N, C-alpha and C. Protein backbone atom coordinates (compact mmCIF):
# COMPACT_ATOMS: atom_id res chain seq x y z
N UNK A 1 112.46 100.21 70.78
CA UNK A 1 112.56 99.87 69.37
C UNK A 1 114.00 99.53 69.03
N UNK A 2 114.20 98.68 68.04
CA UNK A 2 115.55 98.34 67.60
C UNK A 2 115.93 99.23 66.42
N UNK A 3 117.20 99.55 66.34
CA UNK A 3 117.72 100.42 65.28
C UNK A 3 118.45 99.54 64.27
N UNK A 4 118.21 99.78 63.00
CA UNK A 4 118.87 99.00 61.95
C UNK A 4 119.54 99.94 60.96
N UNK A 5 120.66 99.49 60.42
CA UNK A 5 121.35 100.25 59.38
C UNK A 5 120.43 100.40 58.17
N UNK A 6 120.37 101.60 57.64
CA UNK A 6 119.54 101.88 56.47
C UNK A 6 118.19 102.45 56.81
N UNK A 7 117.81 102.40 58.09
CA UNK A 7 116.53 102.97 58.51
C UNK A 7 116.72 104.42 58.97
N UNK A 8 115.61 105.15 59.04
CA UNK A 8 115.68 106.53 59.53
C UNK A 8 116.15 106.54 60.98
N UNK A 9 117.05 107.47 61.28
CA UNK A 9 117.45 107.68 62.67
C UNK A 9 116.28 108.35 63.39
N UNK A 10 115.82 107.81 64.50
CA UNK A 10 114.69 108.41 65.19
C UNK A 10 114.95 109.88 65.53
N UNK A 11 113.96 110.71 65.28
CA UNK A 11 114.07 112.13 65.60
C UNK A 11 113.68 112.34 67.06
N UNK A 12 114.18 113.38 67.66
CA UNK A 12 113.84 113.69 69.05
C UNK A 12 114.17 115.16 69.33
N UNK A 13 113.56 115.67 70.37
CA UNK A 13 113.88 117.00 70.88
C UNK A 13 114.50 116.82 72.26
N UNK A 14 115.60 117.52 72.54
CA UNK A 14 116.29 117.32 73.81
C UNK A 14 117.02 118.59 74.23
N UNK A 15 117.26 118.69 75.53
CA UNK A 15 118.09 119.75 76.07
C UNK A 15 119.55 119.33 75.98
N UNK A 16 120.40 120.26 75.60
CA UNK A 16 121.84 119.99 75.51
C UNK A 16 122.61 121.12 76.18
N UNK A 17 123.90 120.94 76.27
CA UNK A 17 124.75 121.98 76.83
C UNK A 17 124.82 123.22 75.93
N UNK A 18 124.28 123.10 74.72
CA UNK A 18 124.23 124.25 73.80
C UNK A 18 122.79 124.64 73.47
N UNK A 19 121.85 124.29 74.36
CA UNK A 19 120.46 124.67 74.17
C UNK A 19 119.61 123.53 73.66
N UNK A 20 118.34 123.81 73.42
CA UNK A 20 117.40 122.81 72.94
C UNK A 20 117.62 122.53 71.47
N UNK A 21 117.61 121.25 71.11
CA UNK A 21 117.75 120.87 69.69
C UNK A 21 116.65 119.90 69.30
N UNK A 22 116.30 119.92 68.02
CA UNK A 22 115.54 118.83 67.40
C UNK A 22 116.54 118.13 66.51
N UNK A 23 116.75 116.84 66.72
CA UNK A 23 117.89 116.14 66.14
C UNK A 23 117.98 116.28 64.63
N UNK A 24 116.94 115.96 63.89
CA UNK A 24 117.00 116.03 62.43
C UNK A 24 117.27 117.45 61.95
N UNK A 25 116.64 118.41 62.61
CA UNK A 25 116.85 119.81 62.24
C UNK A 25 118.28 120.22 62.54
N UNK A 26 118.83 119.73 63.64
CA UNK A 26 120.21 120.04 64.04
C UNK A 26 121.20 119.46 63.02
N UNK A 27 120.93 118.26 62.50
CA UNK A 27 121.81 117.67 61.50
C UNK A 27 121.83 118.50 60.22
N UNK A 28 120.66 118.97 59.79
CA UNK A 28 120.58 119.74 58.56
C UNK A 28 120.99 118.90 57.36
N UNK A 29 121.90 119.46 56.53
CA UNK A 29 122.36 118.73 55.35
C UNK A 29 123.74 118.13 55.56
N UNK A 30 124.12 117.92 56.82
CA UNK A 30 125.42 117.37 57.14
C UNK A 30 125.30 115.91 57.59
N UNK A 31 126.45 115.30 57.84
CA UNK A 31 126.51 114.00 58.49
C UNK A 31 126.53 114.26 60.00
N UNK A 32 126.28 113.21 60.79
CA UNK A 32 126.28 113.37 62.24
C UNK A 32 126.79 112.10 62.93
N UNK A 33 127.48 112.32 64.05
CA UNK A 33 127.91 111.24 64.93
C UNK A 33 127.21 111.46 66.27
N UNK A 34 126.37 110.50 66.66
CA UNK A 34 125.72 110.51 67.97
C UNK A 34 126.38 109.42 68.80
N UNK A 35 126.99 109.81 69.92
CA UNK A 35 127.66 108.80 70.75
C UNK A 35 127.22 108.98 72.20
N UNK A 36 127.09 107.86 72.91
CA UNK A 36 126.48 107.90 74.23
C UNK A 36 127.42 107.38 75.31
N UNK A 37 127.09 107.77 76.54
CA UNK A 37 127.89 107.42 77.73
C UNK A 37 126.97 106.98 78.85
N UNK A 38 127.42 106.03 79.69
CA UNK A 38 126.54 105.53 80.74
C UNK A 38 126.33 106.49 81.89
N UNK A 39 127.28 107.40 82.11
CA UNK A 39 127.18 108.22 83.32
C UNK A 39 128.22 109.34 83.26
N UNK A 40 127.87 110.50 83.77
CA UNK A 40 128.85 111.58 83.92
C UNK A 40 129.88 111.20 85.00
N UNK A 41 131.04 111.83 84.92
CA UNK A 41 132.11 111.62 85.90
C UNK A 41 132.56 110.16 85.95
N UNK A 42 132.62 109.52 84.79
CA UNK A 42 133.17 108.17 84.68
C UNK A 42 134.51 108.25 83.96
N UNK A 43 135.47 107.39 84.33
CA UNK A 43 136.84 107.55 83.85
C UNK A 43 137.05 107.35 82.36
N UNK A 44 136.56 106.25 81.82
CA UNK A 44 136.80 105.96 80.39
C UNK A 44 136.17 107.04 79.52
N UNK A 45 134.94 107.41 79.85
CA UNK A 45 134.23 108.41 79.04
C UNK A 45 134.90 109.78 79.12
N UNK A 46 135.49 110.08 80.25
CA UNK A 46 136.19 111.36 80.38
C UNK A 46 137.31 111.45 79.34
N UNK A 47 138.05 110.35 79.17
CA UNK A 47 139.13 110.35 78.18
C UNK A 47 138.58 110.45 76.76
N UNK A 48 137.43 109.81 76.52
CA UNK A 48 136.85 109.81 75.18
C UNK A 48 136.36 111.20 74.78
N UNK A 49 135.65 111.86 75.68
CA UNK A 49 135.11 113.18 75.35
C UNK A 49 136.24 114.18 75.07
N UNK A 50 137.33 114.06 75.84
CA UNK A 50 138.45 114.94 75.61
C UNK A 50 139.13 114.68 74.27
N UNK A 51 139.29 113.41 73.93
CA UNK A 51 139.94 113.07 72.66
C UNK A 51 139.08 113.51 71.49
N UNK A 52 137.77 113.31 71.61
CA UNK A 52 136.89 113.69 70.51
C UNK A 52 136.90 115.21 70.31
N UNK A 53 137.05 115.96 71.39
CA UNK A 53 137.15 117.41 71.26
C UNK A 53 138.40 117.79 70.44
N UNK A 54 139.50 117.06 70.64
CA UNK A 54 140.72 117.31 69.87
C UNK A 54 140.54 116.90 68.41
N UNK A 55 139.71 115.88 68.18
CA UNK A 55 139.52 115.35 66.83
C UNK A 55 138.44 116.11 66.05
N UNK A 56 137.70 116.98 66.71
CA UNK A 56 136.57 117.64 66.07
C UNK A 56 136.92 118.35 64.76
N UNK A 57 138.09 119.02 64.64
CA UNK A 57 138.41 119.65 63.35
C UNK A 57 138.41 118.67 62.18
N UNK A 58 138.76 117.41 62.42
CA UNK A 58 138.74 116.41 61.36
C UNK A 58 137.31 116.09 60.92
N UNK A 59 136.40 116.04 61.88
CA UNK A 59 134.99 115.84 61.54
C UNK A 59 134.44 117.06 60.81
N UNK A 60 134.86 118.25 61.24
CA UNK A 60 134.42 119.48 60.56
C UNK A 60 134.81 119.45 59.08
N UNK A 61 136.02 118.97 58.80
CA UNK A 61 136.49 118.89 57.41
C UNK A 61 135.60 117.98 56.58
N UNK A 62 134.97 117.03 57.23
CA UNK A 62 134.14 116.04 56.54
C UNK A 62 132.66 116.40 56.61
N UNK A 63 132.37 117.65 56.92
CA UNK A 63 130.98 118.13 56.95
C UNK A 63 130.13 117.30 57.91
N UNK A 64 130.71 117.02 59.08
CA UNK A 64 130.08 116.12 60.04
C UNK A 64 129.99 116.77 61.41
N UNK A 65 128.79 116.74 62.00
CA UNK A 65 128.58 117.24 63.35
C UNK A 65 128.73 116.09 64.35
N UNK A 66 129.14 116.41 65.56
CA UNK A 66 129.24 115.40 66.60
C UNK A 66 128.44 115.86 67.81
N UNK A 67 127.78 114.91 68.47
CA UNK A 67 126.96 115.21 69.63
C UNK A 67 127.00 114.03 70.59
N UNK A 68 127.20 114.32 71.87
CA UNK A 68 127.26 113.28 72.88
C UNK A 68 125.97 113.20 73.68
N UNK A 69 125.83 112.11 74.42
CA UNK A 69 124.67 111.90 75.27
C UNK A 69 125.10 111.16 76.52
N UNK A 70 124.56 111.58 77.66
CA UNK A 70 124.73 110.82 78.89
C UNK A 70 123.41 110.87 79.65
N UNK A 71 123.10 109.80 80.36
CA UNK A 71 121.81 109.75 81.04
C UNK A 71 121.89 110.48 82.39
N UNK A 72 122.31 111.71 82.32
CA UNK A 72 122.36 112.65 83.43
C UNK A 72 121.86 114.00 82.92
N UNK A 73 121.46 114.89 83.83
CA UNK A 73 120.96 116.19 83.39
C UNK A 73 122.06 117.09 82.86
N UNK A 74 121.67 118.09 82.08
CA UNK A 74 122.62 119.04 81.50
C UNK A 74 123.43 119.74 82.59
N UNK A 75 122.82 119.99 83.74
CA UNK A 75 123.53 120.66 84.84
C UNK A 75 124.75 119.85 85.28
N UNK A 76 124.64 118.52 85.27
CA UNK A 76 125.79 117.68 85.59
C UNK A 76 126.83 117.73 84.48
N UNK A 77 126.35 117.74 83.22
CA UNK A 77 127.28 117.83 82.09
C UNK A 77 128.16 119.08 82.21
N UNK A 78 127.54 120.18 82.59
CA UNK A 78 128.27 121.44 82.67
C UNK A 78 129.37 121.40 83.73
N UNK A 79 129.18 120.60 84.76
CA UNK A 79 130.22 120.42 85.77
C UNK A 79 131.29 119.45 85.25
N UNK A 80 130.84 118.41 84.58
CA UNK A 80 131.76 117.38 84.09
C UNK A 80 132.74 117.93 83.06
N UNK A 81 132.26 118.81 82.18
CA UNK A 81 133.14 119.31 81.11
C UNK A 81 134.34 120.07 81.68
N UNK A 82 134.20 120.61 82.88
CA UNK A 82 135.34 121.29 83.51
C UNK A 82 136.42 120.27 83.88
N UNK A 83 135.99 119.11 84.38
CA UNK A 83 136.95 118.04 84.68
C UNK A 83 137.62 117.54 83.41
N UNK A 84 136.84 117.43 82.35
CA UNK A 84 137.38 116.94 81.08
C UNK A 84 138.47 117.87 80.57
N UNK A 85 138.19 119.17 80.60
CA UNK A 85 139.21 120.13 80.14
C UNK A 85 140.45 120.07 81.01
N UNK A 86 140.25 119.95 82.32
CA UNK A 86 141.38 119.92 83.25
C UNK A 86 142.26 118.69 83.06
N UNK A 87 141.64 117.52 82.88
CA UNK A 87 142.41 116.28 82.82
C UNK A 87 142.86 115.91 81.42
N UNK A 88 142.13 116.34 80.39
CA UNK A 88 142.44 115.93 79.02
C UNK A 88 143.07 117.04 78.19
N UNK A 89 143.09 118.25 78.75
CA UNK A 89 143.76 119.35 78.06
C UNK A 89 143.01 119.94 76.90
N UNK A 90 141.70 119.68 76.82
CA UNK A 90 140.89 120.22 75.73
C UNK A 90 139.47 120.39 76.21
N UNK A 91 138.90 121.57 75.94
CA UNK A 91 137.52 121.83 76.32
C UNK A 91 136.57 121.13 75.35
N UNK A 92 135.47 120.62 75.86
CA UNK A 92 134.45 120.01 75.01
C UNK A 92 133.86 121.08 74.11
N UNK A 93 133.88 120.84 72.81
CA UNK A 93 133.49 121.85 71.82
C UNK A 93 132.33 121.37 70.94
N UNK A 94 131.47 120.57 71.52
CA UNK A 94 130.28 120.05 70.84
C UNK A 94 129.21 119.85 71.91
N UNK A 95 127.94 119.75 71.52
CA UNK A 95 126.88 119.63 72.52
C UNK A 95 126.79 118.26 73.16
N UNK A 96 126.35 118.24 74.42
CA UNK A 96 126.08 117.01 75.15
C UNK A 96 124.60 117.01 75.53
N UNK A 97 123.91 115.93 75.17
CA UNK A 97 122.49 115.80 75.45
C UNK A 97 122.27 115.37 76.90
N UNK A 98 121.35 116.03 77.58
CA UNK A 98 120.91 115.59 78.90
C UNK A 98 119.76 114.61 78.74
N UNK A 99 119.93 113.38 79.25
CA UNK A 99 118.92 112.34 79.01
C UNK A 99 118.60 111.63 80.32
N UNK A 100 118.36 112.39 81.39
CA UNK A 100 118.12 111.78 82.68
C UNK A 100 116.79 111.02 82.74
N UNK A 101 115.88 111.29 81.79
CA UNK A 101 114.64 110.51 81.74
C UNK A 101 114.77 109.30 80.82
N UNK A 102 115.95 109.08 80.25
CA UNK A 102 116.28 107.92 79.41
C UNK A 102 115.49 107.89 78.09
N UNK A 103 114.89 109.00 77.72
CA UNK A 103 114.04 109.01 76.54
C UNK A 103 114.83 108.67 75.28
N UNK A 104 115.96 109.33 75.08
CA UNK A 104 116.74 109.09 73.86
C UNK A 104 117.45 107.74 73.93
N UNK A 105 117.95 107.38 75.12
CA UNK A 105 118.61 106.08 75.28
C UNK A 105 117.67 104.94 74.90
N UNK A 106 116.42 105.04 75.32
CA UNK A 106 115.44 104.00 74.98
C UNK A 106 115.02 104.09 73.51
N UNK A 107 114.90 105.31 73.01
CA UNK A 107 114.51 105.50 71.61
C UNK A 107 115.50 104.84 70.67
N UNK A 108 116.79 104.88 71.05
CA UNK A 108 117.85 104.30 70.23
C UNK A 108 118.29 102.92 70.71
N UNK A 109 117.46 102.31 71.57
CA UNK A 109 117.71 100.94 72.02
C UNK A 109 119.10 100.80 72.64
N UNK A 110 119.50 101.80 73.42
CA UNK A 110 120.82 101.78 74.05
C UNK A 110 120.77 101.27 75.48
N UNK A 111 119.57 101.04 75.99
CA UNK A 111 119.43 100.63 77.38
C UNK A 111 118.19 99.76 77.48
N UNK A 112 118.09 98.95 78.53
CA UNK A 112 116.95 98.06 78.68
C UNK A 112 115.65 98.85 78.70
N UNK A 113 114.65 98.42 77.95
CA UNK A 113 113.41 99.19 77.87
C UNK A 113 112.68 99.35 79.20
N UNK A 114 112.99 98.47 80.19
CA UNK A 114 112.34 98.59 81.49
C UNK A 114 113.14 99.44 82.48
N UNK A 115 114.26 99.98 82.04
CA UNK A 115 115.07 100.83 82.93
C UNK A 115 114.28 102.08 83.30
N UNK A 116 114.49 102.56 84.51
CA UNK A 116 113.77 103.74 84.98
C UNK A 116 114.72 104.91 85.12
N UNK A 117 114.16 106.11 85.08
CA UNK A 117 114.97 107.31 85.21
C UNK A 117 115.35 107.57 86.66
N UNK A 118 115.92 108.74 86.92
CA UNK A 118 116.34 109.08 88.27
C UNK A 118 117.77 108.66 88.54
N UNK A 119 118.21 108.74 89.81
CA UNK A 119 119.60 108.40 90.15
C UNK A 119 119.95 106.98 89.75
N UNK A 120 121.03 106.82 89.02
CA UNK A 120 121.46 105.51 88.56
C UNK A 120 122.98 105.45 88.62
N UNK A 121 123.53 104.26 88.70
CA UNK A 121 124.97 104.10 88.66
C UNK A 121 125.42 103.79 87.24
N UNK A 122 126.71 103.88 86.99
CA UNK A 122 127.25 103.54 85.67
C UNK A 122 126.96 102.09 85.33
N UNK A 123 126.98 101.21 86.34
CA UNK A 123 126.68 99.80 86.10
C UNK A 123 125.24 99.63 85.63
N UNK A 124 124.31 100.38 86.22
CA UNK A 124 122.92 100.33 85.77
C UNK A 124 122.81 100.70 84.29
N UNK A 125 123.69 101.60 83.87
CA UNK A 125 123.62 102.16 82.52
C UNK A 125 124.65 101.55 81.58
N UNK A 126 125.11 100.36 81.92
CA UNK A 126 126.27 99.78 81.23
C UNK A 126 126.09 99.67 79.73
N UNK A 127 124.87 99.48 79.24
CA UNK A 127 124.70 99.29 77.81
C UNK A 127 124.72 100.60 77.03
N UNK A 128 124.71 101.72 77.72
CA UNK A 128 124.67 103.00 77.00
C UNK A 128 126.10 103.37 76.59
N UNK A 129 126.62 102.66 75.59
CA UNK A 129 127.98 102.88 75.09
C UNK A 129 127.93 102.66 73.58
N UNK A 130 127.18 103.50 72.90
CA UNK A 130 126.91 103.29 71.48
C UNK A 130 127.38 104.47 70.64
N UNK A 131 127.63 104.19 69.36
CA UNK A 131 127.97 105.23 68.38
C UNK A 131 127.08 105.01 67.16
N UNK A 132 126.43 106.07 66.71
CA UNK A 132 125.59 106.01 65.51
C UNK A 132 126.12 107.02 64.49
N UNK A 133 126.36 106.56 63.28
CA UNK A 133 126.75 107.44 62.18
C UNK A 133 125.51 107.64 61.31
N UNK A 134 125.12 108.90 61.14
CA UNK A 134 123.88 109.25 60.46
C UNK A 134 124.20 110.13 59.25
N UNK A 135 123.60 109.80 58.11
CA UNK A 135 123.84 110.56 56.88
C UNK A 135 122.96 111.78 56.77
N UNK A 136 123.22 112.63 55.78
CA UNK A 136 122.39 113.82 55.55
C UNK A 136 120.93 113.47 55.25
N UNK A 137 120.70 112.23 54.80
CA UNK A 137 119.33 111.77 54.54
C UNK A 137 118.64 111.30 55.81
N UNK A 138 119.33 111.45 56.94
CA UNK A 138 118.82 111.10 58.28
C UNK A 138 118.70 109.60 58.48
N UNK A 139 119.38 108.80 57.67
CA UNK A 139 119.36 107.35 57.82
C UNK A 139 120.63 106.89 58.56
N UNK A 140 120.48 105.85 59.35
CA UNK A 140 121.60 105.28 60.08
C UNK A 140 122.51 104.55 59.09
N UNK A 141 123.77 104.95 59.04
CA UNK A 141 124.72 104.34 58.10
C UNK A 141 125.60 103.28 58.76
N UNK A 142 125.84 103.42 60.07
CA UNK A 142 126.67 102.45 60.79
C UNK A 142 126.44 102.61 62.28
N UNK A 143 126.74 101.54 63.03
CA UNK A 143 126.60 101.55 64.48
C UNK A 143 127.76 100.80 65.11
N UNK A 144 128.18 101.26 66.29
CA UNK A 144 129.21 100.58 67.06
C UNK A 144 128.73 100.52 68.51
N UNK A 145 128.99 99.40 69.19
CA UNK A 145 128.62 99.27 70.60
C UNK A 145 129.83 98.72 71.35
N UNK A 146 130.18 99.38 72.44
CA UNK A 146 131.34 99.00 73.24
C UNK A 146 130.93 98.69 74.68
N UNK A 147 131.68 97.85 75.37
CA UNK A 147 131.47 97.66 76.81
C UNK A 147 132.05 98.84 77.58
N UNK A 148 131.72 98.94 78.85
CA UNK A 148 132.20 100.06 79.66
C UNK A 148 133.70 100.06 79.85
N UNK A 149 134.30 98.88 79.84
CA UNK A 149 135.71 98.76 80.22
C UNK A 149 136.68 99.12 79.11
N UNK A 150 136.21 99.21 77.87
CA UNK A 150 137.10 99.44 76.73
C UNK A 150 136.82 100.80 76.10
N UNK A 151 137.83 101.66 76.09
CA UNK A 151 137.67 102.96 75.45
C UNK A 151 137.46 102.82 73.96
N UNK A 152 136.57 103.63 73.44
CA UNK A 152 136.28 103.57 72.01
C UNK A 152 137.43 104.16 71.18
N UNK A 153 137.59 103.65 69.97
CA UNK A 153 138.63 104.12 69.05
C UNK A 153 137.98 105.12 68.08
N UNK A 154 138.07 106.40 68.39
CA UNK A 154 137.43 107.39 67.53
C UNK A 154 138.21 107.65 66.25
N UNK A 155 139.47 107.21 66.20
CA UNK A 155 140.17 107.22 64.92
C UNK A 155 139.49 106.25 63.96
N UNK A 156 139.01 105.12 64.49
CA UNK A 156 138.28 104.15 63.67
C UNK A 156 136.94 104.72 63.23
N UNK A 157 136.28 105.46 64.09
CA UNK A 157 135.02 106.11 63.70
C UNK A 157 135.27 107.06 62.53
N UNK A 158 136.38 107.78 62.58
CA UNK A 158 136.73 108.70 61.50
C UNK A 158 137.02 107.93 60.21
N UNK A 159 137.74 106.81 60.32
CA UNK A 159 138.04 105.99 59.15
C UNK A 159 136.76 105.42 58.55
N UNK A 160 135.86 104.97 59.42
CA UNK A 160 134.58 104.44 58.98
C UNK A 160 133.77 105.52 58.27
N UNK A 161 133.79 106.72 58.81
CA UNK A 161 133.09 107.84 58.17
C UNK A 161 133.65 108.10 56.78
N UNK A 162 134.97 108.06 56.64
CA UNK A 162 135.59 108.25 55.32
C UNK A 162 135.09 107.19 54.33
N UNK A 163 135.00 105.95 54.78
CA UNK A 163 134.55 104.87 53.92
C UNK A 163 133.09 105.06 53.52
N UNK A 164 132.26 105.47 54.47
CA UNK A 164 130.84 105.68 54.19
C UNK A 164 130.63 106.83 53.21
N UNK A 165 131.37 107.90 53.41
CA UNK A 165 131.23 109.06 52.52
C UNK A 165 131.74 108.73 51.13
N UNK A 166 132.79 107.93 51.04
CA UNK A 166 133.32 107.52 49.74
C UNK A 166 132.30 106.66 49.00
N UNK A 167 131.67 105.76 49.72
CA UNK A 167 130.64 104.91 49.12
C UNK A 167 129.45 105.75 48.65
N UNK A 168 129.05 106.72 49.46
CA UNK A 168 127.91 107.56 49.12
C UNK A 168 128.18 108.38 47.86
N UNK A 169 129.42 108.79 47.67
CA UNK A 169 129.77 109.65 46.54
C UNK A 169 130.09 108.87 45.28
N UNK A 170 130.76 107.72 45.42
CA UNK A 170 131.28 107.01 44.25
C UNK A 170 130.76 105.57 44.11
N UNK A 171 129.96 105.10 45.02
CA UNK A 171 129.43 103.73 44.98
C UNK A 171 130.56 102.70 44.87
N UNK A 172 131.50 102.79 45.79
CA UNK A 172 132.57 101.80 45.88
C UNK A 172 132.57 101.23 47.30
N UNK A 173 133.20 100.08 47.46
CA UNK A 173 133.36 99.46 48.77
C UNK A 173 134.82 99.53 49.17
N UNK A 174 135.08 99.35 50.46
CA UNK A 174 136.47 99.41 50.94
C UNK A 174 136.87 98.05 51.51
N UNK A 175 138.09 97.59 51.22
CA UNK A 175 138.55 96.29 51.71
C UNK A 175 138.97 96.35 53.17
N UNK A 176 139.37 95.21 53.69
CA UNK A 176 139.79 95.10 55.07
C UNK A 176 140.92 96.10 55.38
N UNK A 177 140.84 96.75 56.51
CA UNK A 177 141.87 97.68 57.01
C UNK A 177 142.16 98.84 56.06
N UNK A 178 141.20 99.14 55.18
CA UNK A 178 141.39 100.23 54.23
C UNK A 178 141.67 101.55 54.93
N UNK A 179 142.52 102.36 54.33
CA UNK A 179 142.78 103.72 54.78
C UNK A 179 142.63 104.66 53.60
N UNK A 180 142.24 105.91 53.84
CA UNK A 180 142.06 106.86 52.73
C UNK A 180 143.29 106.92 51.84
N UNK A 181 143.05 106.87 50.54
CA UNK A 181 144.13 106.91 49.55
C UNK A 181 144.47 105.54 48.99
N UNK A 182 144.05 104.48 49.68
CA UNK A 182 144.34 103.12 49.20
C UNK A 182 143.28 102.67 48.19
N UNK A 183 143.60 101.60 47.46
CA UNK A 183 142.66 101.08 46.46
C UNK A 183 141.35 100.65 47.10
N UNK A 184 140.29 100.73 46.32
CA UNK A 184 138.96 100.34 46.78
C UNK A 184 138.42 99.23 45.89
N UNK A 185 137.26 98.73 46.25
CA UNK A 185 136.65 97.59 45.56
C UNK A 185 135.46 98.06 44.73
N UNK A 186 135.37 97.53 43.51
CA UNK A 186 134.21 97.79 42.66
C UNK A 186 133.11 96.81 43.06
N UNK A 187 131.93 97.28 43.45
CA UNK A 187 130.87 96.37 43.88
C UNK A 187 130.45 95.42 42.77
N UNK A 188 129.94 94.26 43.14
CA UNK A 188 129.49 93.27 42.16
C UNK A 188 128.28 93.75 41.37
N UNK A 189 127.60 94.75 41.86
CA UNK A 189 126.45 95.30 41.14
C UNK A 189 126.86 96.07 39.88
N UNK A 190 128.15 96.38 39.78
CA UNK A 190 128.69 97.10 38.61
C UNK A 190 129.31 96.08 37.66
N UNK A 191 128.81 95.98 36.43
CA UNK A 191 129.34 95.02 35.46
C UNK A 191 130.73 95.44 35.00
N UNK A 192 131.44 94.50 34.38
CA UNK A 192 132.77 94.83 33.84
C UNK A 192 132.68 95.93 32.79
N UNK A 193 131.67 95.87 31.93
CA UNK A 193 131.52 96.92 30.91
C UNK A 193 131.28 98.27 31.54
N UNK A 194 130.44 98.31 32.55
CA UNK A 194 130.18 99.58 33.23
C UNK A 194 131.43 100.06 33.96
N UNK A 195 132.17 99.12 34.54
CA UNK A 195 133.39 99.48 35.26
C UNK A 195 134.45 100.05 34.30
N UNK A 196 134.56 99.47 33.09
CA UNK A 196 135.52 99.97 32.10
C UNK A 196 135.17 101.39 31.67
N UNK A 197 133.86 101.66 31.60
CA UNK A 197 133.44 103.01 31.23
C UNK A 197 133.67 104.00 32.37
N UNK A 198 133.42 103.54 33.57
CA UNK A 198 133.56 104.42 34.74
C UNK A 198 135.02 104.63 35.12
N UNK A 199 135.85 103.59 34.89
CA UNK A 199 137.26 103.66 35.27
C UNK A 199 138.14 103.41 34.05
N UNK A 200 138.25 104.38 33.15
CA UNK A 200 139.04 104.18 31.94
C UNK A 200 140.53 103.93 32.21
N UNK A 201 140.98 104.31 33.40
CA UNK A 201 142.39 104.07 33.75
C UNK A 201 142.65 102.59 34.01
N UNK A 202 141.57 101.82 34.12
CA UNK A 202 141.70 100.38 34.33
C UNK A 202 141.54 99.96 35.77
N UNK A 203 141.35 98.67 35.98
CA UNK A 203 141.21 98.11 37.32
C UNK A 203 141.78 96.70 37.32
N UNK A 204 142.05 96.16 38.50
CA UNK A 204 142.65 94.85 38.63
C UNK A 204 141.59 93.84 39.06
N UNK A 205 141.46 92.75 38.32
CA UNK A 205 140.50 91.70 38.64
C UNK A 205 141.22 90.50 39.23
N UNK A 206 140.96 90.19 40.50
CA UNK A 206 141.51 89.00 41.13
C UNK A 206 140.56 87.81 40.96
N UNK A 207 139.28 88.09 41.07
CA UNK A 207 138.20 87.14 40.80
C UNK A 207 137.08 87.96 40.17
N UNK A 208 136.16 87.33 39.47
CA UNK A 208 135.06 88.10 38.88
C UNK A 208 134.33 88.96 39.90
N UNK A 209 134.33 88.54 41.15
CA UNK A 209 133.63 89.28 42.20
C UNK A 209 134.56 90.17 43.03
N UNK A 210 135.86 90.15 42.72
CA UNK A 210 136.84 90.93 43.50
C UNK A 210 137.71 91.75 42.56
N UNK A 211 137.32 93.02 42.40
CA UNK A 211 138.01 93.92 41.49
C UNK A 211 138.45 95.18 42.24
N UNK A 212 139.74 95.48 42.12
CA UNK A 212 140.30 96.65 42.79
C UNK A 212 140.49 97.80 41.80
N UNK A 213 140.31 99.02 42.29
CA UNK A 213 140.54 100.19 41.48
C UNK A 213 141.09 101.30 42.38
N UNK A 214 141.82 102.22 41.76
CA UNK A 214 142.35 103.34 42.53
C UNK A 214 141.21 104.16 43.11
N UNK A 215 141.40 104.60 44.36
CA UNK A 215 140.34 105.39 45.01
C UNK A 215 139.98 106.61 44.19
N UNK A 216 138.68 106.79 43.89
CA UNK A 216 138.26 107.99 43.17
C UNK A 216 138.53 109.23 43.99
N UNK A 217 138.75 110.33 43.33
CA UNK A 217 139.00 111.61 44.02
C UNK A 217 137.69 112.16 44.57
């Protein structure tokens, strides 16, 4: 199946390094980041998992859980996390899903539907390099897909999460290269009269469809 922004994130039950989870139940009333890897003991992913472990307190501040997936069994994950801590200087502090039967990878359209389980190489699993941002309503809010050769920018995932949460709370959009604290955009669905009522401090109109306002608190 294909995954689209705005649709329900498919639910699933899976074994992880922190026990069995049911995805929607595990999310609860929080946000969630589901990110996948083609294979355990791969170089780029090793750096990513370590960096994300260091970044986890920032996601915690944003009421957001993080969970990884690799199409290998949990027993391999438990060995891999030792290498990650040794080489990256930080222990993995979030669950990793074991998906050696490719059930979740296929459910989220991260791998060819005809792919088979069992021993596979990273090249076989090359498309399993995805990030899904899921809201408390269990709907997919954003997706990112990377090739195997390029390490993902999890600082960008954090920035994207900030933008999504700001939109969810205040119904505003963010301009190109926006960073928290910078001005935001009033959507065209909000009339000037409504905007004047909502933003009594005023806003700047460059075009009728392009209006900037100070980021709401």
